PDB file of N, CA and C in Angstrom:
ATOM      1  N   MET A   1     104.972 110.795  99.753  1.00  0.00           N
ATOM      2  CA  MET A   1     106.183 110.079  99.341  1.00  0.00           C
ATOM      3  C   MET A   1     106.074 109.817  97.834  1.00  0.00           C
ATOM      4  N   GLY A   2     107.157 110.029  97.183  1.00  0.00           N
ATOM      5  CA  GLY A   2     107.181 109.795  95.728  1.00  0.00           C
ATOM      6  C   GLY A   2     107.366 108.274  95.393  1.00  0.00           C
ATOM      7  N   ILE A   3     107.256 107.933  94.175  1.00  0.00           N
ATOM      8  CA  ILE A   3     107.321 106.556  93.731  1.00  0.00           C
ATOM      9  C   ILE A   3     108.742 105.987  93.985  1.00  0.00           C
ATOM     10  N   ILE A   4     109.793 106.784  93.856  1.00  0.00           N
ATOM     11  CA  ILE A   4     111.100 106.316  94.081  1.00  0.00           C
ATOM     12  C   ILE A   4     111.250 105.966  95.587  1.00  0.00           C
ATOM     13  N   THR A   5     110.711 106.785  96.450  1.00  0.00           N
ATOM     14  CA  THR A   5     110.819 106.569  97.863  1.00  0.00           C
ATOM     15  C   THR A   5     110.093 105.303  98.231  1.00  0.00           C
ATOM     16  N   TRP A   6     108.906 105.086  97.624  1.00  0.00           N
ATOM     17  CA  TRP A   6     108.097 103.871  97.913  1.00  0.00           C
ATOM     18  C   TRP A   6     108.904 102.658  97.470  1.00  0.00           C
ATOM     19  N   LEU A   7     109.588 102.736  96.341  1.00  0.00           N
ATOM     20  CA  LEU A   7     110.389 101.584  95.835  1.00  0.00           C
ATOM     21  C   LEU A   7     111.604 101.312  96.757  1.00  0.00           C
ATOM     22  N   ILE A   8     112.205 102.392  97.225  1.00  0.00           N
ATOM     23  CA  ILE A   8     113.337 102.209  98.175  1.00  0.00           C
ATOM     24  C   ILE A   8     112.862 101.616  99.458  1.00  0.00           C
ATOM     25  N   VAL A   9     111.798 102.133 100.066  1.00  0.00           N
ATOM     26  CA  VAL A   9     111.213 101.599 101.222  1.00  0.00           C
ATOM     27  C   VAL A   9     110.879 100.081 101.040  1.00  0.00           C
ATOM     28  N   GLY A  10     110.224  99.758  99.899  1.00  0.00           N
ATOM     29  CA  GLY A  10     109.851  98.446  99.624  1.00  0.00           C
ATOM     30  C   GLY A  10     111.090  97.488  99.471  1.00  0.00           C
ATOM     31  N   LEU A  11     112.084  98.012  98.798  1.00  0.00           N
ATOM     32  CA  LEU A  11     113.252  97.230  98.636  1.00  0.00           C
ATOM     33  C   LEU A  11     113.995  96.898  99.953  1.00  0.00           C
ATOM     34  N   ILE A  12     114.121  97.920 100.756  1.00  0.00           N
ATOM     35  CA  ILE A  12     114.818  97.710 102.070  1.00  0.00           C
ATOM     36  C   ILE A  12     113.953  96.783 102.955  1.00  0.00           C
ATOM     37  N   ALA A  13     112.661  97.009 103.013  1.00  0.00           N
ATOM     38  CA  ALA A  13     111.802  96.187 103.870  1.00  0.00           C
ATOM     39  C   ALA A  13     111.790  94.749 103.356  1.00  0.00           C
ATOM     40  N   GLY A  14     111.604  94.498 102.073  1.00  0.00           N
ATOM     41  CA  GLY A  14     111.521  93.231 101.545  1.00  0.00           C
ATOM     42  C   GLY A  14     112.845  92.407 101.675  1.00  0.00           C
ATOM     43  N   TRP A  15     113.960  93.132 101.422  1.00  0.00           N
ATOM     44  CA  TRP A  15     115.272  92.539 101.600  1.00  0.00           C
ATOM     45  C   TRP A  15     115.533  92.190 103.052  1.00  0.00           C
ATOM     46  N   GLY A  16     115.265  93.084 103.945  1.00  0.00           N
ATOM     47  CA  GLY A  16     115.402  92.864 105.348  1.00  0.00           C
ATOM     48  C   GLY A  16     114.563  91.700 105.892  1.00  0.00           C
ATOM     49  N   ALA A  17     113.380  91.612 105.436  1.00  0.00           N
ATOM     50  CA  ALA A  17     112.459  90.560 105.893  1.00  0.00           C
ATOM     51  C   ALA A  17     112.968  89.204 105.389  1.00  0.00           C
ATOM     52  N   GLY A  18     113.502  89.175 104.148  1.00  0.00           N
ATOM     53  CA  GLY A  18     114.044  87.930 103.613  1.00  0.00           C
ATOM     54  C   GLY A  18     115.256  87.491 104.443  1.00  0.00           C
ATOM     55  N   LYS A  19     116.054  88.398 104.881  1.00  0.00           N
ATOM     56  CA  LYS A  19     117.297  88.069 105.662  1.00  0.00           C
ATOM     57  C   LYS A  19     116.912  87.624 107.077  1.00  0.00           C
ATOM     58  N   VAL A  20     115.958  88.375 107.684  1.00  0.00           N
ATOM     59  CA  VAL A  20     115.573  88.022 109.078  1.00  0.00           C
ATOM     60  C   VAL A  20     114.824  86.717 109.170  1.00  0.00           C
ATOM     61  N   MET A  21     114.107  86.392 108.103  1.00  0.00           N
ATOM     62  CA  MET A  21     113.382  85.106 108.039  1.00  0.00           C
ATOM     63  C   MET A  21     114.192  83.972 107.627  1.00  0.00           C
ATOM     64  N   LYS A  22     115.536  84.121 107.683  1.00  0.00           N
ATOM     65  CA  LYS A  22     116.497  83.038 107.390  1.00  0.00           C
ATOM     66  C   LYS A  22     116.374  82.491 105.981  1.00  0.00           C
ATOM     67  N   GLY A  23     116.157  83.387 105.086  1.00  0.00           N
ATOM     68  CA  GLY A  23     115.982  82.914 103.685  1.00  0.00           C
ATOM     69  C   GLY A  23     116.926  83.816 102.821  1.00  0.00           C
ATOM     70  N   GLY A  24     117.104  83.483 101.593  1.00  0.00           N
ATOM     71  CA  GLY A  24     117.914  84.323 100.723  1.00  0.00           C
ATOM     72  C   GLY A  24     117.068  85.299 100.007  1.00  0.00           C
ATOM     73  N   GLY A  25     115.807  85.420 100.310  1.00  0.00           N
ATOM     74  CA  GLY A  25     114.951  86.424  99.633  1.00  0.00           C
ATOM     75  C   GLY A  25     114.373  85.713  98.396  1.00  0.00           C
ATOM     76  N   TYR A  26     113.591  86.421  97.653  1.00  0.00           N
ATOM     77  CA  TYR A  26     112.944  85.899  96.443  1.00  0.00           C
ATOM     78  C   TYR A  26     113.427  86.545  95.188  1.00  0.00           C
ATOM     79  N   GLY A  27     114.391  87.385  95.347  1.00  0.00           N
ATOM     80  CA  GLY A  27     114.854  88.223  94.201  1.00  0.00           C
ATOM     81  C   GLY A  27     114.392  89.658  94.374  1.00  0.00           C
ATOM     82  N   ILE A  28     115.063  90.564  93.618  1.00  0.00           N
ATOM     83  CA  ILE A  28     114.825  91.949  93.930  1.00  0.00           C
ATOM     84  C   ILE A  28     113.417  92.376  93.660  1.00  0.00           C
ATOM     85  N   VAL A  29     112.823  91.885  92.534  1.00  0.00           N
ATOM     86  CA  VAL A  29     111.498  92.330  92.193  1.00  0.00           C
ATOM     87  C   VAL A  29     110.395  91.867  93.259  1.00  0.00           C
ATOM     88  N   VAL A  30     110.536  90.551  93.651  1.00  0.00           N
ATOM     89  CA  VAL A  30     109.621  90.026  94.647  1.00  0.00           C
ATOM     90  C   VAL A  30     109.888  90.614  96.017  1.00  0.00           C
ATOM     91  N   ASP A  31     111.078  90.894  96.305  1.00  0.00           N
ATOM     92  CA  ASP A  31     111.448  91.571  97.537  1.00  0.00           C
ATOM     93  C   ASP A  31     110.749  93.001  97.617  1.00  0.00           C
ATOM     94  N   ILE A  32     110.828  93.693  96.534  1.00  0.00           N
ATOM     95  CA  ILE A  32     110.205  95.054  96.432  1.00  0.00           C
ATOM     96  C   ILE A  32     108.658  94.881  96.627  1.00  0.00           C
ATOM     97  N   ILE A  33     108.120  93.930  95.977  1.00  0.00           N
ATOM     98  CA  ILE A  33     106.692  93.703  96.045  1.00  0.00           C
ATOM     99  C   ILE A  33     106.200  93.339  97.483  1.00  0.00           C
ATOM    100  N   LEU A  34     107.025  92.402  98.070  1.00  0.00           N
ATOM    101  CA  LEU A  34     106.715  92.036  99.466  1.00  0.00           C
ATOM    102  C   LEU A  34     106.889  93.237 100.435  1.00  0.00           C
ATOM    103  N   GLY A  35     107.871  94.061 100.134  1.00  0.00           N
ATOM    104  CA  GLY A  35     108.101  95.246 100.967  1.00  0.00           C
ATOM    105  C   GLY A  35     106.929  96.239 100.847  1.00  0.00           C
ATOM    106  N   LEU A  36     106.527  96.435  99.575  1.00  0.00           N
ATOM    107  CA  LEU A  36     105.424  97.418  99.388  1.00  0.00           C
ATOM    108  C   LEU A  36     104.084  96.844  99.908  1.00  0.00           C
ATOM    109  N   LEU A  37     103.821  95.619  99.691  1.00  0.00           N
ATOM    110  CA  LEU A  37     102.649  94.961 100.323  1.00  0.00           C
ATOM    111  C   LEU A  37     102.733  94.915 101.796  1.00  0.00           C
ATOM    112  N   GLY A  38     103.943  94.653 102.312  1.00  0.00           N
ATOM    113  CA  GLY A  38     104.201  94.705 103.727  1.00  0.00           C
ATOM    114  C   GLY A  38     103.954  96.040 104.347  1.00  0.00           C
ATOM    115  N   GLY A  39     104.268  97.099 103.584  1.00  0.00           N
ATOM    116  CA  GLY A  39     103.954  98.401 104.073  1.00  0.00           C
ATOM    117  C   GLY A  39     102.424  98.692 104.224  1.00  0.00           C
ATOM    118  N   LEU A  40     101.697  98.134 103.261  1.00  0.00           N
ATOM    119  CA  LEU A  40     100.200  98.235 103.324  1.00  0.00           C
ATOM    120  C   LEU A  40      99.695  97.458 104.471  1.00  0.00           C
ATOM    121  N   LEU A  41     100.183  96.227 104.595  1.00  0.00           N
ATOM    122  CA  LEU A  41      99.740  95.371 105.687  1.00  0.00           C
ATOM    123  C   LEU A  41     100.179  95.909 107.116  1.00  0.00           C
ATOM    124  N   GLY A  42     101.419  96.355 107.133  1.00  0.00           N
ATOM    125  CA  GLY A  42     101.917  96.941 108.438  1.00  0.00           C
ATOM    126  C   GLY A  42     101.160  98.174 108.769  1.00  0.00           C
ATOM    127  N   GLY A  43     100.894  99.024 107.834  1.00  0.00           N
ATOM    128  CA  GLY A  43     100.072 100.276 108.055  1.00  0.00           C
ATOM    129  C   GLY A  43      98.652  99.904 108.609  1.00  0.00           C
ATOM    130  N   TRP A  44      98.082  98.965 107.917  1.00  0.00           N
ATOM    131  CA  TRP A  44      96.731  98.517 108.280  1.00  0.00           C
ATOM    132  C   TRP A  44      96.728  97.941 109.706  1.00  0.00           C
ATOM    133  N   LEU A  45      97.686  97.045 110.006  1.00  0.00           N
ATOM    134  CA  LEU A  45      97.764  96.433 111.333  1.00  0.00           C
ATOM    135  C   LEU A  45      98.074  97.505 112.416  1.00  0.00           C
ATOM    136  N   PHE A  46      98.974  98.440 112.134  1.00  0.00           N
ATOM    137  CA  PHE A  46      99.270  99.442 113.088  1.00  0.00           C
ATOM    138  C   PHE A  46      98.089 100.339 113.368  1.00  0.00           C
ATOM    139  N   GLY A  47      97.347 100.590 112.268  1.00  0.00           N
ATOM    140  CA  GLY A  47      96.078 101.318 112.433  1.00  0.00           C
ATOM    141  C   GLY A  47      95.040 100.674 113.266  1.00  0.00           C
ATOM    142  N   LEU A  48      94.870  99.344 113.091  1.00  0.00           N
ATOM    143  CA  LEU A  48      93.938  98.552 113.854  1.00  0.00           C
ATOM    144  C   LEU A  48      94.354  98.556 115.337  1.00  0.00           C
ATOM    145  N   LEU A  49      95.631  98.546 115.600  1.00  0.00           N
ATOM    146  CA  LEU A  49      96.118  98.468 116.937  1.00  0.00           C
ATOM    147  C   LEU A  49      96.156  99.849 117.613  1.00  0.00           C
ATOM    148  N   GLY A  50      95.918 100.908 116.809  1.00  0.00           N
ATOM    149  CA  GLY A  50      95.872 102.322 117.335  1.00  0.00           C
ATOM    150  C   GLY A  50      97.321 102.863 117.487  1.00  0.00           C
ATOM    151  N   ILE A  51      98.258 102.285 116.740  1.00  0.00           N
ATOM    152  CA  ILE A  51      99.651 102.713 116.830  1.00  0.00           C
ATOM    153  C   ILE A  51      99.896 103.623 115.551  1.00  0.00           C
ATOM    154  N   TRP A  52     100.395 104.794 115.769  1.00  0.00           N
ATOM    155  CA  TRP A  52     100.668 105.652 114.657  1.00  0.00           C
ATOM    156  C   TRP A  52     102.207 105.826 114.691  1.00  0.00           C
ATOM    157  N   HIS A  53     102.855 105.464 113.587  1.00  0.00           N
ATOM    158  CA  HIS A  53     104.361 105.478 113.574  1.00  0.00           C
ATOM    159  C   HIS A  53     104.999 106.854 113.414  1.00  0.00           C
ATOM    160  N   ARG A  54     104.430 107.737 112.695  1.00  0.00           N
ATOM    161  CA  ARG A  54     104.934 109.090 112.427  1.00  0.00           C
ATOM    162  C   ARG A  54     106.517 109.234 112.473  1.00  0.00           C
ATOM    163  N   GLY A  55     107.145 108.230 111.958  1.00  0.00           N
ATOM    164  CA  GLY A  55     108.621 108.288 112.003  1.00  0.00           C
ATOM    165  C   GLY A  55     109.217 108.632 110.724  1.00  0.00           C
ATOM    166  N   GLY A  56     108.444 109.243 109.769  1.00  0.00           N
ATOM    167  CA  GLY A  56     109.032 109.654 108.522  1.00  0.00           C
ATOM    168  C   GLY A  56     109.470 108.439 107.696  1.00  0.00           C
ATOM    169  N   LEU A  57     110.601 108.544 107.092  1.00  0.00           N
ATOM    170  CA  LEU A  57     111.127 107.471 106.239  1.00  0.00           C
ATOM    171  C   LEU A  57     111.491 106.229 107.057  1.00  0.00           C
ATOM    172  N   ILE A  58     112.175 106.467 108.170  1.00  0.00           N
ATOM    173  CA  ILE A  58     112.572 105.353 109.040  1.00  0.00           C
ATOM    174  C   ILE A  58     111.383 104.631 109.564  1.00  0.00           C
ATOM    175  N   GLY A  59     110.362 105.374 110.029  1.00  0.00           N
ATOM    176  CA  GLY A  59     109.151 104.795 110.524  1.00  0.00           C
ATOM    177  C   GLY A  59     108.479 103.942 109.447  1.00  0.00           C
ATOM    178  N   SER A  60     108.415 104.531 108.252  1.00  0.00           N
ATOM    179  CA  SER A  60     107.806 103.789 107.099  1.00  0.00           C
ATOM    180  C   SER A  60     108.580 102.436 106.754  1.00  0.00           C
ATOM    181  N   ILE A  61     109.910 102.548 106.872  1.00  0.00           N
ATOM    182  CA  ILE A  61     110.711 101.302 106.606  1.00  0.00           C
ATOM    183  C   ILE A  61     110.397 100.305 107.737  1.00  0.00           C
ATOM    184  N   ILE A  62     110.263 100.682 108.962  1.00  0.00           N
ATOM    185  CA  ILE A  62     109.998  99.816 110.028  1.00  0.00           C
ATOM    186  C   ILE A  62     108.659  99.124 109.908  1.00  0.00           C
ATOM    187  N   VAL A  63     107.656  99.951 109.617  1.00  0.00           N
ATOM    188  CA  VAL A  63     106.271  99.404 109.384  1.00  0.00           C
ATOM    189  C   VAL A  63     106.237  98.455 108.233  1.00  0.00           C
ATOM    190  N   ALA A  64     106.885  98.846 107.101  1.00  0.00           N
ATOM    191  CA  ALA A  64     106.862  97.977 105.937  1.00  0.00           C
ATOM    192  C   ALA A  64     107.723  96.665 106.208  1.00  0.00           C
ATOM    193  N   PHE A  65     108.735  96.822 106.979  1.00  0.00           N
ATOM    194  CA  PHE A  65     109.552  95.590 107.322  1.00  0.00           C
ATOM    195  C   PHE A  65     108.732  94.657 108.150  1.00  0.00           C
ATOM    196  N   LEU A  66     108.031  95.109 109.123  1.00  0.00           N
ATOM    197  CA  LEU A  66     107.253  94.249 109.985  1.00  0.00           C
ATOM    198  C   LEU A  66     106.135  93.563 109.175  1.00  0.00           C
ATOM    199  N   GLY A  67     105.460  94.320 108.287  1.00  0.00           N
ATOM    200  CA  GLY A  67     104.486  93.763 107.439  1.00  0.00           C
ATOM    201  C   GLY A  67     105.062  92.760 106.452  1.00  0.00           C
ATOM    202  N   ALA A  68     106.287  93.018 105.926  1.00  0.00           N
ATOM    203  CA  ALA A  68     106.888  92.154 105.000  1.00  0.00           C
ATOM    204  C   ALA A  68     107.358  90.801 105.701  1.00  0.00           C
ATOM    205  N   VAL A  69     107.752  90.938 106.963  1.00  0.00           N
ATOM    206  CA  VAL A  69     108.089  89.688 107.698  1.00  0.00           C
ATOM    207  C   VAL A  69     106.825  88.804 107.879  1.00  0.00           C
ATOM    208  N   ILE A  70     105.742  89.414 108.154  1.00  0.00           N
ATOM    209  CA  ILE A  70     104.506  88.682 108.268  1.00  0.00           C
ATOM    210  C   ILE A  70     104.085  88.042 106.943  1.00  0.00           C
ATOM    211  N   LEU A  71     104.323  88.753 105.844  1.00  0.00           N
ATOM    212  CA  LEU A  71     103.980  88.202 104.494  1.00  0.00           C
ATOM    213  C   LEU A  71     104.957  87.072 104.203  1.00  0.00           C
ATOM    214  N   VAL A  72     106.221  87.222 104.476  1.00  0.00           N
ATOM    215  CA  VAL A  72     107.189  86.107 104.165  1.00  0.00           C
ATOM    216  C   VAL A  72     106.787  84.889 104.988  1.00  0.00           C
ATOM    217  N   TRP A  73     106.443  85.116 106.260  1.00  0.00           N
ATOM    218  CA  TRP A  73     106.055  84.005 107.109  1.00  0.00           C
ATOM    219  C   TRP A  73     104.814  83.289 106.525  1.00  0.00           C
ATOM    220  N   ILE A  74     103.869  83.993 106.057  1.00  0.00           N
ATOM    221  CA  ILE A  74     102.656  83.485 105.491  1.00  0.00           C
ATOM    222  C   ILE A  74     102.929  82.714 104.189  1.00  0.00           C
ATOM    223  N   THR A  75     103.773  83.307 103.326  1.00  0.00           N
ATOM    224  CA  THR A  75     104.123  82.618 102.108  1.00  0.00           C
ATOM    225  C   THR A  75     104.855  81.341 102.318  1.00  0.00           C
ATOM    226  N   ARG A  76     105.695  81.350 103.322  1.00  0.00           N
ATOM    227  CA  ARG A  76     106.396  80.063 103.597  1.00  0.00           C
ATOM    228  C   ARG A  76     105.503  79.044 104.222  1.00  0.00           C
ATOM    229  N   LEU A  77     104.504  79.456 105.006  1.00  0.00           N
ATOM    230  CA  LEU A  77     103.510  78.521 105.481  1.00  0.00           C
ATOM    231  C   LEU A  77     102.731  77.878 104.349  1.00  0.00           C
ATOM    232  N   LEU A  78     102.351  78.689 103.400  1.00  0.00           N
ATOM    233  CA  LEU A  78     101.605  78.224 102.221  1.00  0.00           C
ATOM    234  C   LEU A  78     102.444  77.337 101.352  1.00  0.00           C
ATOM    235  N   LYS A  79     103.703  77.597 101.213  1.00  0.00           N
ATOM    236  CA  LYS A  79     104.646  76.752 100.426  1.00  0.00           C
ATOM    237  C   LYS A  79     104.723  75.321 101.009  1.00  0.00           C
ATOM    238  N   LYS A  80     104.700  75.221 102.392  1.00  0.00           N
ATOM    239  CA  LYS A  80     104.799  73.958 103.004  1.00  0.00           C
ATOM    240  C   LYS A  80     103.553  73.170 102.863  1.00  0.00           C
ATOM    241  N   ALA A  81     102.470  73.787 102.717  1.00  0.00           N
ATOM    242  CA  ALA A  81     101.174  73.130 102.654  1.00  0.00           C
ATOM    243  C   ALA A  81     100.897  72.521 101.295  1.00  0.00           C
TER     244      ALA A  81
END
């Protein structure tokens, strides 16, 4: 995947996670960062669980989205503390 594809996946995943987690998001830059980091986290977690997504772009977005949701949840927990 090229850098543009990674940015698009990160943006979609971060934006979606912000919406699903009942928030307005953190802004486009942080949403992209959360999406990209979410992709790493999601890929790592899926690997640990023995789940291989092989879904191409859509699979990458889903994995990044799930990882970003986890990251948003963690950041909100830390903000409350």
